[in-house]
C-alpha atoms as a PDB file:
ATOM      1  CA  MET A   1      86.157 126.330  81.854  1.00  0.00           C
ATOM      2  CA  PRO A   2      83.876 128.047  84.607  1.00  0.00           C
ATOM      3  CA  ASP A   3      85.461 128.647  87.937  1.00  0.00           C
ATOM      4  CA  LEU A   4      85.393 125.473  89.916  1.00  0.00           C
ATOM      5  CA  GLU A   5      85.252 124.790  93.496  1.00  0.00           C
ATOM      6  CA  PRO A   6      86.890 123.636  95.451  1.00  0.00           C
ATOM      7  CA  PRO A   7      90.149 125.172  94.241  1.00  0.00           C
ATOM      8  CA  GLU A   8      91.810 121.642  94.615  1.00  0.00           C
ATOM      9  CA  LEU A   9      89.235 120.437  91.963  1.00  0.00           C
ATOM     10  CA  ALA A  10      90.136 123.404  89.631  1.00  0.00           C
ATOM     11  CA  ALA A  11      93.952 122.577  89.925  1.00  0.00           C
ATOM     12  CA  LEU A  12      93.244 118.722  89.107  1.00  0.00           C
ATOM     13  CA  VAL A  13      91.323 119.852  86.112  1.00  0.00           C
ATOM     14  CA  GLU A  14      94.169 122.100  84.785  1.00  0.00           C
ATOM     15  CA  VAL A  15      96.641 119.354  85.277  1.00  0.00           C
ATOM     16  CA  ALA A  16      98.624 120.052  82.209  1.00  0.00           C
ATOM     17  CA  GLU A  17      98.576 123.870  82.396  1.00  0.00           C
ATOM     18  CA  ARG A  18      98.758 124.436  86.073  1.00  0.00           C
ATOM     19  CA  PRO A  19     102.043 126.314  87.167  1.00  0.00           C
ATOM     20  CA  ARG A  20     104.163 124.229  89.423  1.00  0.00           C
ATOM     21  CA  ALA A  21     107.721 124.373  90.605  1.00  0.00           C
ATOM     22  CA  GLY A  22     109.549 127.418  89.016  1.00  0.00           C
ATOM     23  CA  ASP A  23     106.193 128.318  87.400  1.00  0.00           C
ATOM     24  CA  TRP A  24     106.534 125.291  84.878  1.00  0.00           C
ATOM     25  CA  SER A  25     103.539 123.671  83.756  1.00  0.00           C
ATOM     26  CA  LEU A  26     103.366 120.008  82.789  1.00  0.00           C
ATOM     27  CA  ARG A  27     102.956 120.951  79.072  1.00  0.00           C
ATOM     28  CA  ALA A  28     105.990 123.286  79.153  1.00  0.00           C
ATOM     29  CA  ALA A  29     108.077 120.448  81.023  1.00  0.00           C
ATOM     30  CA  LEU A  30     107.107 118.193  78.184  1.00  0.00           C
ATOM     31  CA  VAL A  31     108.397 120.443  75.420  1.00  0.00           C
ATOM     32  CA  ARG A  32     111.957 120.135  76.985  1.00  0.00           C
ATOM     33  CA  TYR A  33     111.564 116.428  77.717  1.00  0.00           C
ATOM     34  CA  ALA A  34     110.383 116.136  73.978  1.00  0.00           C
ATOM     35  CA  GLN A  35     114.020 116.994  72.946  1.00  0.00           C
ATOM     36  CA  PHE A  36     114.946 113.645  74.286  1.00  0.00           C
ATOM     37  CA  ARG A  37     111.827 111.348  74.170  1.00  0.00           C
ATOM     38  CA  PRO A  38     109.488 112.482  71.463  1.00  0.00           C
ATOM     39  CA  GLY A  39     107.694 109.312  71.536  1.00  0.00           C
ATOM     40  CA  LEU A  40     107.004 109.023  75.101  1.00  0.00           C
ATOM     41  CA  VAL A  41     105.744 112.654  75.123  1.00  0.00           C
ATOM     42  CA  ARG A  42     103.388 111.812  72.434  1.00  0.00           C
ATOM     43  CA  ASP A  43     101.890 108.962  74.103  1.00  0.00           C
ATOM     44  CA  LEU A  44     101.553 110.892  77.258  1.00  0.00           C
ATOM     45  CA  MET A  45      99.938 113.859  75.613  1.00  0.00           C
ATOM     46  CA  GLU A  46      97.362 111.627  73.971  1.00  0.00           C
ATOM     47  CA  VAL A  47      96.508 110.521  77.359  1.00  0.00           C
ATOM     48  CA  VAL A  48      96.317 114.331  78.511  1.00  0.00           C
ATOM     49  CA  ARG A  49      94.236 115.206  75.676  1.00  0.00           C
ATOM     50  CA  ARG A  50      91.676 112.180  76.368  1.00  0.00           C
ATOM     51  CA  ILE A  51      91.389 113.417  79.915  1.00  0.00           C
ATOM     52  CA  GLU A  52      90.774 116.927  78.823  1.00  0.00           C
ATOM     53  CA  LEU A  53      88.141 116.006  76.259  1.00  0.00           C
ATOM     54  CA  VAL A  54      86.112 114.213  78.866  1.00  0.00           C
ATOM     55  CA  LEU A  55      86.373 117.235  81.493  1.00  0.00           C
ATOM     56  CA  HIS A  56      85.762 119.689  78.898  1.00  0.00           C
ATOM     57  CA  ALA A  57      82.521 117.717  77.781  1.00  0.00           C
ATOM     58  CA  HIS A  58      81.345 117.814  81.379  1.00  0.00           C
ATOM     59  CA  ALA A  59      82.442 121.409  82.435  1.00  0.00           C
ATOM     60  CA  ARG A  60      78.695 122.270  83.525  1.00  0.00           C
ATOM     61  CA  LEU A  61      78.616 119.198  85.684  1.00  0.00           C
ATOM     62  CA  LEU A  62      81.883 120.140  87.268  1.00  0.00           C
ATOM     63  CA  ALA A  63      80.857 123.640  87.921  1.00  0.00           C
ATOM     64  CA  ARG A  64      77.588 122.502  89.475  1.00  0.00           C
ATOM     65  CA  GLU A  65      78.738 119.320  91.323  1.00  0.00           C
ATOM     66  CA  GLY A  66      82.441 120.481  92.207  1.00  0.00           C
ATOM     67  CA  PRO A  67      82.015 119.628  95.817  1.00  0.00           C
ATOM     68  CA  ALA A  68      80.563 116.366  95.444  1.00  0.00           C
ATOM     69  CA  VAL A  69      82.930 115.206  92.834  1.00  0.00           C
ATOM     70  CA  TRP A  70      85.849 116.376  95.158  1.00  0.00           C
ATOM     71  CA  ALA A  71      84.294 114.393  98.014  1.00  0.00           C
ATOM     72  CA  ALA A  72      84.038 111.289  96.042  1.00  0.00           C
ATOM     73  CA  LEU A  73      87.710 111.726  95.016  1.00  0.00           C
ATOM     74  CA  THR A  74      88.767 112.119  98.351  1.00  0.00           C
ATOM     75  CA  ASP A  75      86.836 109.478 100.002  1.00  0.00           C
ATOM     76  CA  GLY A  76      87.281 106.895  97.085  1.00  0.00           C
ATOM     77  CA  THR A  77      83.854 106.368  96.381  1.00  0.00           C
ATOM     78  CA  THR A  78      82.465 106.487  92.953  1.00  0.00           C
ATOM     79  CA  PRO A  79      78.759 107.894  92.648  1.00  0.00           C
ATOM     80  CA  PRO A  80      76.342 106.458  90.110  1.00  0.00           C
ATOM     81  CA  GLY A  81      75.957 107.506  86.522  1.00  0.00           C
ATOM     82  CA  GLU A  82      77.569 110.474  84.732  1.00  0.00           C
ATOM     83  CA  LEU A  83      79.248 111.872  87.812  1.00  0.00           C
ATOM     84  CA  GLY A  84      80.827 108.710  88.605  1.00  0.00           C
ATOM     85  CA  ALA A  85      82.355 108.427  84.958  1.00  0.00           C
ATOM     86  CA  VAL A  86      83.844 111.808  85.623  1.00  0.00           C
ATOM     87  CA  VAL A  87      85.231 110.985  88.994  1.00  0.00           C
ATOM     88  CA  GLU A  88      86.834 107.976  87.520  1.00  0.00           C
ATOM     89  CA  VAL A  89      88.459 110.185  84.877  1.00  0.00           C
ATOM     90  CA  LEU A  90      89.779 112.553  87.469  1.00  0.00           C
ATOM     91  CA  ARG A  91      91.425 109.619  89.255  1.00  0.00           C
ATOM     92  CA  VAL A  92      93.347 108.869  85.938  1.00  0.00           C
ATOM     93  CA  ALA A  93      94.194 112.718  86.111  1.00  0.00           C
ATOM     94  CA  GLN A  94      95.566 112.318  89.683  1.00  0.00           C
ATOM     95  CA  GLY A  95      97.932 109.826  88.516  1.00  0.00           C
ATOM     96  CA  ILE A  96      99.325 112.327  85.685  1.00  0.00           C
ATOM     97  CA  ASP A  97      99.296 115.036  88.319  1.00  0.00           C
ATOM     98  CA  ASP A  98     101.706 112.988  90.332  1.00  0.00           C
ATOM     99  CA  LEU A  99     103.890 112.296  87.277  1.00  0.00           C
ATOM    100  CA  ALA A 100     103.794 116.126  86.247  1.00  0.00           C
ATOM    101  CA  GLU A 101     105.724 116.789  89.571  1.00  0.00           C
ATOM    102  CA  THR A 102     108.575 114.326  88.615  1.00  0.00           C
ATOM    103  CA  VAL A 103     108.614 115.671  85.071  1.00  0.00           C
ATOM    104  CA  VAL A 104     108.507 119.273  85.877  1.00  0.00           C
ATOM    105  CA  ALA A 105     111.533 118.813  88.673  1.00  0.00           C
ATOM    106  CA  TRP A 106     113.567 117.138  86.037  1.00  0.00           C
ATOM    107  CA  ALA A 107     112.770 119.733  83.398  1.00  0.00           C
ATOM    108  CA  GLN A 108     113.391 122.614  85.743  1.00  0.00           C
ATOM    109  CA  HIS A 109     117.029 121.566  86.813  1.00  0.00           C
ATOM    110  CA  ARG A 110     117.748 118.785  84.134  1.00  0.00           C
ATOM    111  CA  ALA A 111     119.468 117.026  86.818  1.00  0.00           C
ATOM    112  CA  GLY A 112     119.812 113.277  87.090  1.00  0.00           C
ATOM    113  CA  ASP A 113     118.279 110.466  84.667  1.00  0.00           C
ATOM    114  CA  LEU A 114     115.505 111.214  82.413  1.00  0.00           C
ATOM    115  CA  PRO A 115     112.144 110.247  84.005  1.00  0.00           C
ATOM    116  CA  ASP A 116     111.633 107.381  81.510  1.00  0.00           C
ATOM    117  CA  ALA A 117     110.483 104.836  83.794  1.00  0.00           C
ATOM    118  CA  ALA A 118     107.864 107.090  85.470  1.00  0.00           C
ATOM    119  CA  VAL A 119     106.577 108.528  82.170  1.00  0.00           C
ATOM    120  CA  VAL A 120     105.962 104.776  80.747  1.00  0.00           C
ATOM    121  CA  ALA A 121     104.305 103.506  83.776  1.00  0.00           C
ATOM    122  CA  ALA A 122     102.115 106.222  84.247  1.00  0.00           C
ATOM    123  CA  THR A 123     101.125 106.671  80.780  1.00  0.00           C
ATOM    124  CA  ARG A 124     100.473 102.937  80.341  1.00  0.00           C
ATOM    125  CA  ALA A 125      98.411 102.820  83.398  1.00  0.00           C
ATOM    126  CA  ALA A 126      96.446 106.018  82.505  1.00  0.00           C
ATOM    127  CA  ALA A 127      95.815 104.759  78.934  1.00  0.00           C
ATOM    128  CA  GLU A 128      94.675 101.422  80.084  1.00  0.00           C
ATOM    129  CA  ARG A 129      92.201 102.940  82.718  1.00  0.00           C
ATOM    130  CA  LEU A 130      90.739 105.322  80.069  1.00  0.00           C
ATOM    131  CA  ASP A 131      90.241 102.453  77.868  1.00  0.00           C
ATOM    132  CA  ALA A 132      88.626 100.406  80.211  1.00  0.00           C
ATOM    133  CA  LEU A 133      86.301 103.609  80.920  1.00  0.00           C
ATOM    134  CA  GLY A 134      85.532 103.883  77.210  1.00  0.00           C
ATOM    135  CA  VAL A 135      87.067 107.220  76.636  1.00  0.00           C
ATOM    136  CA  PRO A 136      87.953 107.403  72.960  1.00  0.00           C
ATOM    137  CA  ARG A 137      91.497 107.407  71.697  1.00  0.00           C
ATOM    138  CA  GLU A 138      92.372 110.072  69.094  1.00  0.00           C
ATOM    139  CA  GLU A 139      91.999 109.690  65.334  1.00  0.00           C
ATOM    140  CA  ARG A 140      95.642 109.713  64.065  1.00  0.00           C
ATOM    141  CA  THR A 141      95.680 110.996  60.494  1.00  0.00           C
ATOM    142  CA  ARG A 142      98.515 110.583  58.336  1.00  0.00           C
ATOM    143  CA  PRO A 143      99.752 113.581  56.257  1.00  0.00           C
ATOM    144  CA  ARG A 144      98.665 113.313  52.312  1.00  0.00           C
ATOM    145  CA  ARG A 145     101.384 112.442  50.033  1.00  0.00           C
ATOM    146  CA  GLY A 146     102.314 114.733  47.112  1.00  0.00           C
END
């Protein structure tokens, strides 16, 4: 993806890969969390991939309209058309970004309870919102037998 401005937008677009506390990314923290809750991680990663699909498809728009996108995100407005759809997906990404801090904190120290309730709530809310926005779900293919 091209360099985005402002930097806060670039960081949000990299929600799964951006280094956080202790240089952990959400994706890295989920590898550790998957040892205990693989189903929850699978569901969360489906949401992350759906977000990434939309943002990758609109990389040029984000590069061209980054300041306007960020302004809409910060002031709570939704521009019309394609730009508005991208802003709404980024709002979903903000929820996952908030969750990432919780998951990374747990993964880094493995202290306290697993963050199951937070993961379930954020994943469910994000999936429902992406469904409402018409973001397609992944096609799940089953392995061939024999």
